[in-house]
Every structure is written in C-alpha cells, then in structure tokens.
Amino acid sequence: MSVLPTQLAVDGPAAPPRANGELVFAAPWESRVFGVTLSLFEAGHFEWSAFQAELIESIRTWEANHEPGACFEYYQCWLEALERLLDRLGVVEGAQLRARVAQYLSRPAGHDHGHAHDHDHD
C-alpha cells in the first residue's frame, strides 16, 4: 500500500478509528480488509467517493437497526460497504466476494512473512 487516499476521512461517520492520529485496528482482519479496499481502489476498481458513500450508508443502517447494547464495529460496516460496492459495480458477485473475504481473513497474521521459499537444487 503506497499512499492513503487523500479523501480518507479524518472526522465524521466515515472516519476510521484513530489513536494519536494513527489508524487503529482491533483485530488483524480489520487491517486486512482496509488493505484490500485500498488495493482495489488503487487498481481503479472504484472511486473513493463511491466507497465512502457506501460506508456512510452501512453505518447509518447499523445505527438504525442495531440491537440494544450492541458494540459498534466500524470495520464490520467497512466490510459490508466494500461487499455491496463491488457487487453493485459487478467487480465480483456478493456471495463469491464473501467467500473470498472469509478465506482471506481467516489466515493467521503474518502467515506469509518470514518464510523462505524452498528451492530444489539437484
């Protein structure tokens, strides 16, 4: 991931959680879905403003429908917004995307770091 989109909200409903100005992720899957979203944006699959609109709508839906006492999960709304946007744009069908996301998010943190590639030298 090179540069965050200049439109990444700092405040308001679409603003990601921060501490001392730095993005905060409560679980590895949150940083992964954030990274996937930015990668898809950087690859030109959608406009950032379209994603922000979906995210705001996802948050509004949660606010209107959450169970009493339910803890707000920002990145769950983020994931739902990404799924809806990619499905609506025809980038990937919703069920297929959910299956891919579940597979990707289930991998352990650091699963692909620090592993040397084994090569046969006969």
C-alpha atoms as a PDB file:
ATOM      1  CA  MET A   1       0.000   0.000   0.000  1.00  0.00           C
ATOM      2  CA  SER A   2       1.660   3.178  -1.122  1.00  0.00           C
ATOM      3  CA  VAL A   3      -0.342   6.236  -0.087  1.00  0.00           C
ATOM      4  CA  LEU A   4      -3.677   6.575   1.638  1.00  0.00           C
ATOM      5  CA  PRO A   5      -6.348   8.194  -0.496  1.00  0.00           C
ATOM      6  CA  THR A   6      -6.380  11.933   0.086  1.00  0.00           C
ATOM      7  CA  GLN A   7     -10.107  11.610   0.695  1.00  0.00           C
ATOM      8  CA  LEU A   8      -9.707   9.307   3.730  1.00  0.00           C
ATOM      9  CA  ALA A   9     -11.994  10.956   6.279  1.00  0.00           C
ATOM     10  CA  VAL A  10     -10.442  12.359   9.436  1.00  0.00           C
ATOM     11  CA  ASP A  11     -13.753  13.023  11.168  1.00  0.00           C
ATOM     12  CA  GLY A  12     -17.419  12.301  10.591  1.00  0.00           C
ATOM     13  CA  PRO A  13     -19.192   8.982  10.087  1.00  0.00           C
ATOM     14  CA  ALA A  14     -16.728   7.618   7.509  1.00  0.00           C
ATOM     15  CA  ALA A  15     -13.604   8.358   9.580  1.00  0.00           C
ATOM     16  CA  PRO A  16     -11.666   5.245  10.612  1.00  0.00           C
ATOM     17  CA  PRO A  17     -10.763   4.780  14.285  1.00  0.00           C
ATOM     18  CA  ARG A  18      -7.562   6.573  15.259  1.00  0.00           C
ATOM     19  CA  ALA A  19      -5.333   6.977  18.303  1.00  0.00           C
ATOM     20  CA  ASN A  20      -2.830   9.831  18.355  1.00  0.00           C
ATOM     21  CA  GLY A  21      -3.570  10.374  14.667  1.00  0.00           C
ATOM     22  CA  GLU A  22      -2.692   6.786  13.696  1.00  0.00           C
ATOM     23  CA  LEU A  23      -5.185   4.286  12.319  1.00  0.00           C
ATOM     24  CA  VAL A  24      -6.262   1.701  14.898  1.00  0.00           C
ATOM     25  CA  PHE A  25      -7.204  -1.896  14.111  1.00  0.00           C
ATOM     26  CA  ALA A  26      -8.673  -4.051  16.889  1.00  0.00           C
ATOM     27  CA  ALA A  27      -8.046  -7.313  15.037  1.00  0.00           C
ATOM     28  CA  PRO A  28      -5.863  -8.499  12.134  1.00  0.00           C
ATOM     29  CA  TRP A  29      -8.873  -8.931   9.824  1.00  0.00           C
ATOM     30  CA  GLU A  30      -9.615  -5.201  10.139  1.00  0.00           C
ATOM     31  CA  SER A  31      -6.235  -4.144   8.804  1.00  0.00           C
ATOM     32  CA  ARG A  32      -6.541  -6.766   6.072  1.00  0.00           C
ATOM     33  CA  VAL A  33      -9.919  -5.547   4.835  1.00  0.00           C
ATOM     34  CA  PHE A  34      -8.580  -1.986   4.976  1.00  0.00           C
ATOM     35  CA  GLY A  35      -5.616  -3.034   2.842  1.00  0.00           C
ATOM     36  CA  VAL A  36      -7.780  -4.964   0.378  1.00  0.00           C
ATOM     37  CA  THR A  37     -10.024  -1.922  -0.016  1.00  0.00           C
ATOM     38  CA  LEU A  38      -7.109   0.410  -0.677  1.00  0.00           C
ATOM     39  CA  SER A  39      -5.565  -2.042  -3.136  1.00  0.00           C
ATOM     40  CA  LEU A  40      -8.815  -2.307  -5.084  1.00  0.00           C
ATOM     41  CA  PHE A  41      -9.159   1.480  -5.070  1.00  0.00           C
ATOM     42  CA  GLU A  42      -5.566   1.980  -6.234  1.00  0.00           C
ATOM     43  CA  ALA A  43      -6.176  -0.578  -9.013  1.00  0.00           C
ATOM     44  CA  GLY A  44      -9.021   1.613 -10.273  1.00  0.00           C
ATOM     45  CA  HIS A  45     -11.946  -0.664  -9.442  1.00  0.00           C
ATOM     46  CA  PHE A  46     -13.955   2.180  -7.857  1.00  0.00           C
ATOM     47  CA  GLU A  47     -13.899   5.841  -6.930  1.00  0.00           C
ATOM     48  CA  TRP A  48     -13.137   6.580  -3.288  1.00  0.00           C
ATOM     49  CA  SER A  49     -16.235   8.789  -3.015  1.00  0.00           C
ATOM     50  CA  ALA A  50     -18.399   5.800  -4.043  1.00  0.00           C
ATOM     51  CA  PHE A  51     -16.851   3.699  -1.276  1.00  0.00           C
ATOM     52  CA  GLN A  52     -17.309   6.484   1.281  1.00  0.00           C
ATOM     53  CA  ALA A  53     -20.993   6.792   0.354  1.00  0.00           C
ATOM     54  CA  GLU A  54     -21.452   3.029   0.838  1.00  0.00           C
ATOM     55  CA  LEU A  55     -19.608   3.179   4.163  1.00  0.00           C
ATOM     56  CA  ILE A  56     -21.761   6.035   5.444  1.00  0.00           C
ATOM     57  CA  GLU A  57     -24.891   4.128   4.400  1.00  0.00           C
ATOM     58  CA  SER A  58     -23.621   0.983   6.129  1.00  0.00           C
ATOM     59  CA  ILE A  59     -23.025   2.942   9.347  1.00  0.00           C
ATOM     60  CA  ARG A  60     -26.471   4.565   9.116  1.00  0.00           C
ATOM     61  CA  THR A  61     -28.055   1.144   8.646  1.00  0.00           C
ATOM     62  CA  TRP A  62     -26.224  -0.204  11.691  1.00  0.00           C
ATOM     63  CA  GLU A  63     -27.275   2.801  13.771  1.00  0.00           C
ATOM     64  CA  ALA A  64     -30.918   2.342  12.765  1.00  0.00           C
ATOM     65  CA  ASN A  65     -31.045  -1.435  13.259  1.00  0.00           C
ATOM     66  CA  HIS A  66     -28.539  -2.499  15.929  1.00  0.00           C
ATOM     67  CA  GLU A  67     -29.609  -4.461  18.950  1.00  0.00           C
ATOM     68  CA  PRO A  68     -29.681  -2.552  22.250  1.00  0.00           C
ATOM     69  CA  GLY A  69     -26.272  -2.802  23.894  1.00  0.00           C
ATOM     70  CA  ALA A  70     -24.555  -3.957  20.703  1.00  0.00           C
ATOM     71  CA  CYS A  71     -20.992  -2.749  20.325  1.00  0.00           C
ATOM     72  CA  PHE A  72     -20.357  -0.723  17.170  1.00  0.00           C
ATOM     73  CA  GLU A  73     -17.808  -2.400  14.890  1.00  0.00           C
ATOM     74  CA  TYR A  74     -16.540   0.164  12.395  1.00  0.00           C
ATOM     75  CA  TYR A  75     -14.690  -2.331  10.202  1.00  0.00           C
ATOM     76  CA  GLN A  76     -17.709  -4.637  10.000  1.00  0.00           C
ATOM     77  CA  CYS A  77     -19.537  -1.698   8.415  1.00  0.00           C
ATOM     78  CA  TRP A  78     -16.460  -1.114   6.223  1.00  0.00           C
ATOM     79  CA  LEU A  79     -16.525  -4.727   5.035  1.00  0.00           C
ATOM     80  CA  GLU A  80     -20.252  -4.611   4.310  1.00  0.00           C
ATOM     81  CA  ALA A  81     -19.775  -1.373   2.345  1.00  0.00           C
ATOM     82  CA  LEU A  82     -16.983  -2.921   0.291  1.00  0.00           C
ATOM     83  CA  GLU A  83     -19.031  -6.040  -0.437  1.00  0.00           C
ATOM     84  CA  ARG A  84     -22.054  -4.009  -1.576  1.00  0.00           C
ATOM     85  CA  LEU A  85     -19.967  -1.667  -3.722  1.00  0.00           C
ATOM     86  CA  LEU A  86     -18.067  -4.449  -5.504  1.00  0.00           C
ATOM     87  CA  ASP A  87     -21.287  -6.382  -6.052  1.00  0.00           C
ATOM     88  CA  ARG A  88     -23.118  -3.290  -7.377  1.00  0.00           C
ATOM     89  CA  LEU A  89     -20.264  -2.421  -9.737  1.00  0.00           C
ATOM     90  CA  GLY A  90     -20.026  -6.009 -10.964  1.00  0.00           C
ATOM     91  CA  VAL A  91     -16.382  -6.307  -9.874  1.00  0.00           C
ATOM     92  CA  VAL A  92     -17.262  -9.553  -8.105  1.00  0.00           C
ATOM     93  CA  GLU A  93     -20.597 -11.128  -7.159  1.00  0.00           C
ATOM     94  CA  GLY A  94     -21.546 -10.727  -3.478  1.00  0.00           C
ATOM     95  CA  ALA A  95     -21.546 -14.410  -2.450  1.00  0.00           C
ATOM     96  CA  GLN A  96     -18.250 -15.047  -4.236  1.00  0.00           C
ATOM     97  CA  LEU A  97     -16.710 -11.993  -2.575  1.00  0.00           C
ATOM     98  CA  ARG A  98     -17.896 -13.060   0.893  1.00  0.00           C
ATOM     99  CA  ALA A  99     -16.342 -16.499   0.362  1.00  0.00           C
ATOM    100  CA  ARG A 100     -13.034 -14.961  -0.759  1.00  0.00           C
ATOM    101  CA  VAL A 101     -13.021 -12.457   2.089  1.00  0.00           C
ATOM    102  CA  ALA A 102     -13.756 -15.175   4.658  1.00  0.00           C
ATOM    103  CA  GLN A 103     -10.901 -17.277   3.302  1.00  0.00           C
ATOM    104  CA  TYR A 104      -8.502 -14.325   3.266  1.00  0.00           C
ATOM    105  CA  LEU A 105      -9.484 -13.055   6.701  1.00  0.00           C
ATOM    106  CA  SER A 106      -9.157 -16.490   8.295  1.00  0.00           C
ATOM    107  CA  ARG A 107      -5.432 -16.699   7.567  1.00  0.00           C
ATOM    108  CA  PRO A 108      -3.258 -16.126  10.635  1.00  0.00           C
ATOM    109  CA  ALA A 109      -1.464 -12.814  10.998  1.00  0.00           C
ATOM    110  CA  GLY A 110       1.970 -12.918   9.395  1.00  0.00           C
ATOM    111  CA  HIS A 111       1.176 -16.108   7.509  1.00  0.00           C
ATOM    112  CA  ASP A 112       3.226 -15.015   4.516  1.00  0.00           C
ATOM    113  CA  HIS A 113       6.097 -13.254   6.239  1.00  0.00           C
ATOM    114  CA  GLY A 114       9.432 -14.708   7.188  1.00  0.00           C
ATOM    115  CA  HIS A 115       9.107 -17.879   5.188  1.00  0.00           C
ATOM    116  CA  ALA A 116      11.975 -18.654   2.846  1.00  0.00           C
ATOM    117  CA  HIS A 117      10.998 -20.215  -0.415  1.00  0.00           C
ATOM    118  CA  ASP A 118      12.339 -23.715  -0.723  1.00  0.00           C
ATOM    119  CA  HIS A 119      14.007 -24.447  -3.999  1.00  0.00           C
ATOM    120  CA  ASP A 120      15.268 -27.829  -5.057  1.00  0.00           C
ATOM    121  CA  HIS A 121      18.883 -27.742  -6.052  1.00  0.00           C
ATOM    122  CA  ASP A 122      19.623 -31.127  -7.604  1.00  0.00           C
END
